[in-house]
Amino acid sequence: MAWTRIAAALIGTAMAAAACSDGADDEPVTAPEPNVRVISTTSASTVPSTTAATSTSTAAASTTSVPGSSTSTTATLETTTTTADVPGVSNLTATDRISTVGLGPVFVGMTVAEATQAAGSPFERLTPDQGPCTMYQATDFPEAGVKWLVAFDRIAVIHVEQPGVVTRSGLGVGSSAADVQARFGEQVTERPSPYDAALTELVFTPLEENESRQRVIFDVDGSGQVVRYRSGQLPEVDYSGNCDQ
């Protein structure tokens, strides 16, 4: 009986020890499962995200650094495809109109170099350098009869001597004196031409204070038609078409 009780006690102790050992092993097996899931989840979500970011970053870097990309192309278009930089292609067109401050992209006050850049056309000297006054034309401008008077190295007046280029009001060579007077009313004054006794000058004076030195002068013949006109700043706009007058 004693041996039986001892054997039973030993068997019970062994069984209790075995039960404790299995319980302890459950935690290492069970606890890593969330870790494995986290790693797996992180791997699944982070890696594609990182890859996408890298791809986007690479694409962005590509667009800013590789020639021909959109950003680079935009900058290139601004600096190299402007017609002002392309020889033989003029920014001056037949649809450009005369204002009190210039014609198209060429403005009173520009140097010849600035006008060449703006117009996309070389400016050719038509008269010898006569001190402060020289006449030029834009060689690639499609409209004939337009000249620029340059005084003290800057454009001062634009002369129009043939039909084609008109003012912003639609007036030009071939318009009538009545058209000019009807359009500008009291802003127009009439005076004899100091350079040609057969002509009368109709002088338009802007109302704007910042254009107090600007004038548009229409030369009108005996039949009442505009035969030429000029636009620019005083005192040069009062000169006739010849720089020596």
C-alpha atoms as a PDB file:
ATOM      1  CA  MET A   1       0.000   0.000   0.000  1.00  0.00           C
ATOM      2  CA  ALA A   2       2.819   2.399   0.872  1.00  0.00           C
ATOM      3  CA  TRP A   3       4.571   1.767  -2.415  1.00  0.00           C
ATOM      4  CA  THR A   4       1.290   2.260  -4.240  1.00  0.00           C
ATOM      5  CA  ARG A   5       0.733   5.649  -2.586  1.00  0.00           C
ATOM      6  CA  ILE A   6       4.326   6.747  -3.384  1.00  0.00           C
ATOM      7  CA  ALA A   7       3.972   5.737  -7.044  1.00  0.00           C
ATOM      8  CA  ALA A   8       0.672   7.585  -7.307  1.00  0.00           C
ATOM      9  CA  ALA A   9       2.232  10.701  -5.781  1.00  0.00           C
ATOM     10  CA  LEU A  10       5.172  10.558  -8.183  1.00  0.00           C
ATOM     11  CA  ILE A  11       2.863  10.175 -11.190  1.00  0.00           C
ATOM     12  CA  GLY A  12       0.735  13.141 -10.029  1.00  0.00           C
ATOM     13  CA  THR A  13       3.823  15.341  -9.595  1.00  0.00           C
ATOM     14  CA  ALA A  14       5.083  14.447 -13.087  1.00  0.00           C
ATOM     15  CA  MET A  15       1.708  15.212 -14.629  1.00  0.00           C
ATOM     16  CA  ALA A  16       1.533  18.598 -12.848  1.00  0.00           C
ATOM     17  CA  ALA A  17       5.063  19.476 -14.055  1.00  0.00           C
ATOM     18  CA  ALA A  18       4.164  18.548 -17.625  1.00  0.00           C
ATOM     19  CA  ALA A  19       1.044  20.734 -17.500  1.00  0.00           C
ATOM     20  CA  CYS A  20       3.065  23.749 -16.287  1.00  0.00           C
ATOM     21  CA  SER A  21       5.649  23.250 -19.034  1.00  0.00           C
ATOM     22  CA  ASP A  22       3.000  23.368 -21.879  1.00  0.00           C
ATOM     23  CA  GLY A  23       1.448  26.487 -20.382  1.00  0.00           C
ATOM     24  CA  ALA A  24       4.805  28.274 -20.371  1.00  0.00           C
ATOM     25  CA  ASP A  25       5.453  27.343 -24.010  1.00  0.00           C
ATOM     26  CA  ASP A  26       2.117  28.896 -25.116  1.00  0.00           C
ATOM     27  CA  GLU A  27       3.299  32.460 -24.513  1.00  0.00           C
ATOM     28  CA  PRO A  28       6.347  32.421 -26.790  1.00  0.00           C
ATOM     29  CA  VAL A  29       4.248  30.871 -29.522  1.00  0.00           C
ATOM     30  CA  THR A  30       1.235  33.070 -28.939  1.00  0.00           C
ATOM     31  CA  ALA A  31       3.010  36.399 -28.160  1.00  0.00           C
ATOM     32  CA  PRO A  32       5.070  36.564 -31.350  1.00  0.00           C
ATOM     33  CA  GLU A  33       1.900  36.154 -33.402  1.00  0.00           C
ATOM     34  CA  PRO A  34       0.902  39.832 -32.906  1.00  0.00           C
ATOM     35  CA  ASN A  35       4.525  40.773 -33.580  1.00  0.00           C
ATOM     36  CA  VAL A  36       4.530  38.729 -36.719  1.00  0.00           C
ATOM     37  CA  ARG A  37       1.260  40.326 -37.756  1.00  0.00           C
ATOM     38  CA  VAL A  38       2.606  43.829 -37.067  1.00  0.00           C
ATOM     39  CA  ILE A  39       5.740  43.125 -39.028  1.00  0.00           C
ATOM     40  CA  SER A  40       3.694  41.586 -41.777  1.00  0.00           C
ATOM     41  CA  THR A  41       1.253  44.514 -41.779  1.00  0.00           C
ATOM     42  CA  THR A  42       4.042  47.043 -41.681  1.00  0.00           C
ATOM     43  CA  SER A  43       5.825  45.238 -44.442  1.00  0.00           C
ATOM     44  CA  ALA A  44       2.668  45.126 -46.523  1.00  0.00           C
ATOM     45  CA  SER A  45       1.763  48.785 -46.009  1.00  0.00           C
ATOM     46  CA  THR A  46       5.098  50.479 -45.587  1.00  0.00           C
ATOM     47  CA  VAL A  47       7.065  48.875 -48.374  1.00  0.00           C
ATOM     48  CA  PRO A  48       4.590  49.712 -51.159  1.00  0.00           C
ATOM     49  CA  SER A  49       4.205  53.203 -49.719  1.00  0.00           C
ATOM     50  CA  THR A  50       7.960  53.700 -49.684  1.00  0.00           C
ATOM     51  CA  THR A  51       8.219  52.362 -53.203  1.00  0.00           C
ATOM     52  CA  ALA A  52       5.481  54.703 -54.392  1.00  0.00           C
ATOM     53  CA  ALA A  53       7.125  57.675 -52.701  1.00  0.00           C
ATOM     54  CA  THR A  54      10.457  56.788 -54.242  1.00  0.00           C
ATOM     55  CA  SER A  55       8.836  56.479 -57.624  1.00  0.00           C
ATOM     56  CA  THR A  56       7.106  59.827 -57.241  1.00  0.00           C
ATOM     57  CA  SER A  57      10.261  61.422 -55.935  1.00  0.00           C
ATOM     58  CA  THR A  58      12.223  59.976 -58.826  1.00  0.00           C
ATOM     59  CA  ALA A  59       9.618  61.197 -61.259  1.00  0.00           C
ATOM     60  CA  ALA A  60       9.695  64.635 -59.672  1.00  0.00           C
ATOM     61  CA  ALA A  61      13.456  64.678 -59.799  1.00  0.00           C
ATOM     62  CA  SER A  62      13.217  63.554 -63.375  1.00  0.00           C
ATOM     63  CA  THR A  63      10.881  66.377 -64.332  1.00  0.00           C
ATOM     64  CA  THR A  64      13.115  68.989 -62.787  1.00  0.00           C
ATOM     65  CA  SER A  65      16.520  67.691 -63.738  1.00  0.00           C
ATOM     66  CA  VAL A  66      16.258  65.728 -66.962  1.00  0.00           C
ATOM     67  CA  PRO A  67      16.307  67.910 -70.125  1.00  0.00           C
ATOM     68  CA  GLY A  68      13.030  67.724 -71.990  1.00  0.00           C
ATOM     69  CA  SER A  69      10.960  67.351 -68.821  1.00  0.00           C
ATOM     70  CA  SER A  70       7.892  69.533 -68.318  1.00  0.00           C
ATOM     71  CA  THR A  71       9.520  71.990 -65.926  1.00  0.00           C
ATOM     72  CA  SER A  72      12.667  72.235 -67.980  1.00  0.00           C
ATOM     73  CA  THR A  73      10.631  72.531 -71.161  1.00  0.00           C
ATOM     74  CA  THR A  74       8.613  75.413 -69.721  1.00  0.00           C
ATOM     75  CA  ALA A  75      11.760  77.293 -68.830  1.00  0.00           C
ATOM     76  CA  THR A  76      13.182  76.509 -72.258  1.00  0.00           C
ATOM     77  CA  LEU A  77      10.054  77.714 -74.021  1.00  0.00           C
ATOM     78  CA  GLU A  78      10.207  80.990 -72.195  1.00  0.00           C
ATOM     79  CA  THR A  79      13.792  81.608 -73.135  1.00  0.00           C
ATOM     80  CA  THR A  80      14.337  79.916 -76.461  1.00  0.00           C
ATOM     81  CA  THR A  81      11.098  79.656 -78.362  1.00  0.00           C
ATOM     82  CA  THR A  82      10.102  83.289 -78.028  1.00  0.00           C
ATOM     83  CA  THR A  83      10.164  84.623 -81.537  1.00  0.00           C
ATOM     84  CA  ALA A  84      12.247  87.565 -80.413  1.00  0.00           C
ATOM     85  CA  ASP A  85      15.134  85.112 -80.129  1.00  0.00           C
ATOM     86  CA  VAL A  86      14.551  83.478 -83.505  1.00  0.00           C
ATOM     87  CA  PRO A  87      16.223  85.332 -86.384  1.00  0.00           C
ATOM     88  CA  GLY A  88      13.904  86.093 -89.281  1.00  0.00           C
ATOM     89  CA  VAL A  89      10.709  85.640 -87.256  1.00  0.00           C
ATOM     90  CA  SER A  90       9.172  88.978 -86.351  1.00  0.00           C
ATOM     91  CA  ASN A  91       6.972  89.695 -83.359  1.00  0.00           C
ATOM     92  CA  LEU A  92       5.715  92.722 -85.264  1.00  0.00           C
ATOM     93  CA  THR A  93       2.654  91.787 -87.291  1.00  0.00           C
ATOM     94  CA  ALA A  94       0.298  93.464 -89.729  1.00  0.00           C
ATOM     95  CA  THR A  95      -2.362  93.469 -86.996  1.00  0.00           C
ATOM     96  CA  ASP A  96      -0.269  95.517 -84.545  1.00  0.00           C
ATOM     97  CA  ARG A  97      -1.583  99.003 -83.975  1.00  0.00           C
ATOM     98  CA  ILE A  98       0.006 102.327 -83.196  1.00  0.00           C
ATOM     99  CA  SER A  99      -0.545 103.812 -79.751  1.00  0.00           C
ATOM    100  CA  THR A 100       0.879 106.918 -78.157  1.00  0.00           C
ATOM    101  CA  VAL A 101       3.678 104.788 -76.674  1.00  0.00           C
ATOM    102  CA  GLY A 102       4.682 102.433 -79.472  1.00  0.00           C
ATOM    103  CA  LEU A 103       3.829  99.764 -82.009  1.00  0.00           C
ATOM    104  CA  GLY A 104       3.258  96.163 -80.911  1.00  0.00           C
ATOM    105  CA  PRO A 105       6.109  95.033 -78.655  1.00  0.00           C
ATOM    106  CA  VAL A 106       8.357  97.987 -79.561  1.00  0.00           C
ATOM    107  CA  PHE A 107       7.940 100.998 -77.302  1.00  0.00           C
ATOM    108  CA  VAL A 108       9.088 104.580 -77.284  1.00  0.00           C
ATOM    109  CA  GLY A 109      12.131 104.847 -75.023  1.00  0.00           C
ATOM    110  CA  MET A 110      13.710 101.519 -76.080  1.00  0.00           C
ATOM    111  CA  THR A 111      17.238 101.356 -77.407  1.00  0.00           C
ATOM    112  CA  VAL A 112      17.751  99.811 -80.846  1.00  0.00           C
ATOM    113  CA  ALA A 113      19.130  96.680 -79.165  1.00  0.00           C
ATOM    114  CA  GLU A 114      16.053  96.410 -76.928  1.00  0.00           C
ATOM    115  CA  ALA A 115      13.754  96.990 -79.895  1.00  0.00           C
ATOM    116  CA  THR A 116      15.560  94.296 -81.893  1.00  0.00           C
ATOM    117  CA  GLN A 117      15.097  91.824 -79.042  1.00  0.00           C
ATOM    118  CA  ALA A 118      11.445  92.731 -78.561  1.00  0.00           C
ATOM    119  CA  ALA A 119      10.590  92.743 -82.267  1.00  0.00           C
ATOM    120  CA  GLY A 120      12.536  89.618 -83.193  1.00  0.00           C
ATOM    121  CA  SER A 121      13.810  91.609 -86.150  1.00  0.00           C
ATOM    122  CA  PRO A 122      17.016  93.480 -86.915  1.00  0.00           C
ATOM    123  CA  PHE A 123      16.674  97.244 -87.193  1.00  0.00           C
ATOM    124  CA  GLU A 124      18.369  98.712 -90.247  1.00  0.00           C
ATOM    125  CA  ARG A 125      19.652 102.269 -90.288  1.00  0.00           C
ATOM    126  CA  LEU A 126      18.102 104.247 -93.136  1.00  0.00           C
ATOM    127  CA  THR A 127      19.872 107.560 -92.691  1.00  0.00           C
ATOM    128  CA  PRO A 128      23.418 108.492 -91.735  1.00  0.00           C
ATOM    129  CA  ASP A 129      24.001 109.176 -88.082  1.00  0.00           C
ATOM    130  CA  GLN A 130      23.012 112.832 -87.901  1.00  0.00           C
ATOM    131  CA  GLY A 131      23.983 113.657 -84.371  1.00  0.00           C
ATOM    132  CA  PRO A 132      21.108 112.808 -82.048  1.00  0.00           C
ATOM    133  CA  CYS A 133      18.699 111.789 -84.813  1.00  0.00           C
ATOM    134  CA  THR A 134      18.678 108.623 -86.968  1.00  0.00           C
ATOM    135  CA  MET A 135      15.909 106.798 -88.847  1.00  0.00           C
ATOM    136  CA  TYR A 136      15.551 102.986 -88.728  1.00  0.00           C
ATOM    137  CA  GLN A 137      13.252 100.303 -90.098  1.00  0.00           C
ATOM    138  CA  ALA A 138      12.599  96.745 -88.883  1.00  0.00           C
ATOM    139  CA  THR A 139      13.812  94.541 -91.727  1.00  0.00           C
ATOM    140  CA  ASP A 140      11.457  91.615 -90.986  1.00  0.00           C
ATOM    141  CA  PHE A 141       8.339  93.696 -90.390  1.00  0.00           C
ATOM    142  CA  PRO A 142       5.783  92.696 -93.055  1.00  0.00           C
ATOM    143  CA  GLU A 143       4.315  96.193 -93.408  1.00  0.00           C
ATOM    144  CA  ALA A 144       6.193  98.729 -95.536  1.00  0.00           C
ATOM    145  CA  GLY A 145       6.338 102.429 -94.828  1.00  0.00           C
ATOM    146  CA  VAL A 146       6.968 102.210 -91.074  1.00  0.00           C
ATOM    147  CA  LYS A 147      10.069 103.870 -89.654  1.00  0.00           C
ATOM    148  CA  TRP A 148      11.433 104.501 -86.187  1.00  0.00           C
ATOM    149  CA  LEU A 149      13.165 107.751 -85.340  1.00  0.00           C
ATOM    150  CA  VAL A 150      15.943 107.183 -82.820  1.00  0.00           C
ATOM    151  CA  ALA A 151      17.127 110.201 -80.858  1.00  0.00           C
ATOM    152  CA  PHE A 152      19.911 110.081 -78.310  1.00  0.00           C
ATOM    153  CA  ASP A 153      20.105 106.303 -78.802  1.00  0.00           C
ATOM    154  CA  ARG A 154      16.437 105.678 -77.946  1.00  0.00           C
ATOM    155  CA  ILE A 155      13.275 105.321 -80.012  1.00  0.00           C
ATOM    156  CA  ALA A 156      11.355 108.580 -79.877  1.00  0.00           C
ATOM    157  CA  VAL A 157       8.870 108.500 -82.777  1.00  0.00           C
ATOM    158  CA  ILE A 158       7.201 106.007 -85.120  1.00  0.00           C
ATOM    159  CA  HIS A 159       6.467 107.256 -88.651  1.00  0.00           C
ATOM    160  CA  VAL A 160       3.843 105.637 -90.882  1.00  0.00           C
ATOM    161  CA  GLU A 161       3.908 106.681 -94.523  1.00  0.00           C
ATOM    162  CA  GLN A 162       1.784 104.030 -96.281  1.00  0.00           C
ATOM    163  CA  PRO A 163      -1.633 102.420 -95.719  1.00  0.00           C
ATOM    164  CA  GLY A 164      -1.683  99.293 -93.581  1.00  0.00           C
ATOM    165  CA  VAL A 165      -0.660 100.079 -90.014  1.00  0.00           C
ATOM    166  CA  VAL A 166      -3.319 102.071 -88.181  1.00  0.00           C
ATOM    167  CA  THR A 167      -3.811 103.522 -84.737  1.00  0.00           C
ATOM    168  CA  ARG A 168      -5.742 101.761 -81.993  1.00  0.00           C
ATOM    169  CA  SER A 169      -8.704 103.889 -83.086  1.00  0.00           C
ATOM    170  CA  GLY A 170      -8.444 102.532 -86.628  1.00  0.00           C
ATOM    171  CA  LEU A 171      -7.082 105.735 -88.150  1.00  0.00           C
ATOM    172  CA  GLY A 172      -4.226 105.800 -90.599  1.00  0.00           C
ATOM    173  CA  VAL A 173      -3.028 106.755 -94.058  1.00  0.00           C
ATOM    174  CA  GLY A 174      -6.144 107.138 -96.183  1.00  0.00           C
ATOM    175  CA  SER A 175      -8.418 108.249 -93.321  1.00  0.00           C
ATOM    176  CA  SER A 176     -10.084 111.616 -93.667  1.00  0.00           C
ATOM    177  CA  ALA A 177      -9.513 114.698 -91.560  1.00  0.00           C
ATOM    178  CA  ALA A 178     -13.193 114.484 -90.643  1.00  0.00           C
ATOM    179  CA  ASP A 179     -12.614 110.939 -89.282  1.00  0.00           C
ATOM    180  CA  VAL A 180      -9.771 112.153 -87.075  1.00  0.00           C
ATOM    181  CA  GLN A 181     -11.709 115.119 -85.765  1.00  0.00           C
ATOM    182  CA  ALA A 182     -14.842 113.061 -85.160  1.00  0.00           C
ATOM    183  CA  ARG A 183     -12.878 110.447 -83.250  1.00  0.00           C
ATOM    184  CA  PHE A 184     -10.876 112.757 -80.989  1.00  0.00           C
ATOM    185  CA  GLY A 185     -12.975 115.923 -80.863  1.00  0.00           C
ATOM    186  CA  GLU A 186     -11.430 118.662 -78.737  1.00  0.00           C
ATOM    187  CA  GLN A 187      -8.272 116.632 -78.214  1.00  0.00           C
ATOM    188  CA  VAL A 188      -7.289 117.492 -81.800  1.00  0.00           C
ATOM    189  CA  THR A 189      -5.790 120.831 -82.775  1.00  0.00           C
ATOM    190  CA  GLU A 190      -5.110 121.950 -86.341  1.00  0.00           C
ATOM    191  CA  ARG A 191      -2.006 123.800 -87.520  1.00  0.00           C
ATOM    192  CA  PRO A 192      -0.091 124.342 -90.762  1.00  0.00           C
ATOM    193  CA  SER A 193       2.746 121.900 -91.368  1.00  0.00           C
ATOM    194  CA  PRO A 194       6.080 123.593 -90.659  1.00  0.00           C
ATOM    195  CA  TYR A 195       7.738 121.322 -93.241  1.00  0.00           C
ATOM    196  CA  ASP A 196       5.291 121.265 -96.186  1.00  0.00           C
ATOM    197  CA  ALA A 197       3.076 124.185 -97.087  1.00  0.00           C
ATOM    198  CA  ALA A 198       0.675 121.850 -98.915  1.00  0.00           C
ATOM    199  CA  LEU A 199      -0.121 119.921 -95.731  1.00  0.00           C
ATOM    200  CA  THR A 200      -2.048 120.563 -92.542  1.00  0.00           C
ATOM    201  CA  GLU A 201      -1.289 118.846 -89.268  1.00  0.00           C
ATOM    202  CA  LEU A 202      -3.936 117.467 -86.951  1.00  0.00           C
ATOM    203  CA  VAL A 203      -2.339 116.996 -83.534  1.00  0.00           C
ATOM    204  CA  PHE A 204      -3.886 114.593 -81.034  1.00  0.00           C
ATOM    205  CA  THR A 205      -3.039 115.245 -77.367  1.00  0.00           C
ATOM    206  CA  PRO A 206      -3.824 112.511 -74.792  1.00  0.00           C
ATOM    207  CA  LEU A 207      -5.685 113.455 -71.630  1.00  0.00           C
ATOM    208  CA  GLU A 208      -3.695 111.150 -69.382  1.00  0.00           C
ATOM    209  CA  GLU A 209      -1.195 112.988 -67.211  1.00  0.00           C
ATOM    210  CA  ASN A 210       1.461 110.305 -67.663  1.00  0.00           C
ATOM    211  CA  GLU A 211       1.258 110.829 -71.445  1.00  0.00           C
ATOM    212  CA  SER A 212       1.596 114.603 -71.384  1.00  0.00           C
ATOM    213  CA  ARG A 213       4.653 114.427 -73.652  1.00  0.00           C
ATOM    214  CA  GLN A 214       3.045 112.046 -76.171  1.00  0.00           C
ATOM    215  CA  ARG A 215       1.428 113.158 -79.428  1.00  0.00           C
ATOM    216  CA  VAL A 216      -0.027 111.621 -82.583  1.00  0.00           C
ATOM    217  CA  ILE A 217       0.278 113.949 -85.578  1.00  0.00           C
ATOM    218  CA  PHE A 218      -1.664 113.361 -88.815  1.00  0.00           C
ATOM    219  CA  ASP A 219      -0.484 115.094 -91.999  1.00  0.00           C
ATOM    220  CA  VAL A 220      -3.505 115.945 -94.142  1.00  0.00           C
ATOM    221  CA  ASP A 221      -3.348 117.017 -97.797  1.00  0.00           C
ATOM    222  CA  GLY A 222      -5.523 119.535 -99.634  1.00  0.00           C
ATOM    223  CA  SER A 223      -8.213 116.920-100.322  1.00  0.00           C
ATOM    224  CA  GLY A 224      -8.663 116.304 -96.626  1.00  0.00           C
ATOM    225  CA  GLN A 225      -6.938 112.879 -96.559  1.00  0.00           C
ATOM    226  CA  VAL A 226      -4.275 111.656 -94.149  1.00  0.00           C
ATOM    227  CA  VAL A 227      -1.127 111.022 -96.207  1.00  0.00           C
ATOM    228  CA  ARG A 228       1.171 110.089 -93.315  1.00  0.00           C
ATOM    229  CA  TYR A 229       1.234 110.255 -89.542  1.00  0.00           C
ATOM    230  CA  ARG A 230       3.596 109.837 -86.627  1.00  0.00           C
ATOM    231  CA  SER A 231       3.358 108.987 -82.955  1.00  0.00           C
ATOM    232  CA  GLY A 232       5.857 109.621 -80.220  1.00  0.00           C
ATOM    233  CA  GLN A 233       7.182 111.972 -77.598  1.00  0.00           C
ATOM    234  CA  LEU A 234       7.986 115.663 -77.555  1.00  0.00           C
ATOM    235  CA  PRO A 235      10.044 117.324 -78.808  1.00  0.00           C
ATOM    236  CA  GLU A 236      11.055 114.702 -81.405  1.00  0.00           C
ATOM    237  CA  VAL A 237       7.501 113.980 -82.588  1.00  0.00           C
ATOM    238  CA  ASP A 238       7.424 117.555 -83.918  1.00  0.00           C
ATOM    239  CA  TYR A 239      10.219 116.671 -86.363  1.00  0.00           C
ATOM    240  CA  SER A 240       9.205 115.817 -89.914  1.00  0.00           C
ATOM    241  CA  GLY A 241      10.105 112.531 -91.588  1.00  0.00           C
ATOM    242  CA  ASN A 242      13.633 113.802 -92.269  1.00  0.00           C
ATOM    243  CA  CYS A 243      16.022 113.680 -89.367  1.00  0.00           C
ATOM    244  CA  ASP A 244      17.772 116.822 -90.490  1.00  0.00           C
ATOM    245  CA  GLN A 245      14.654 118.991 -90.146  1.00  0.00           C
END
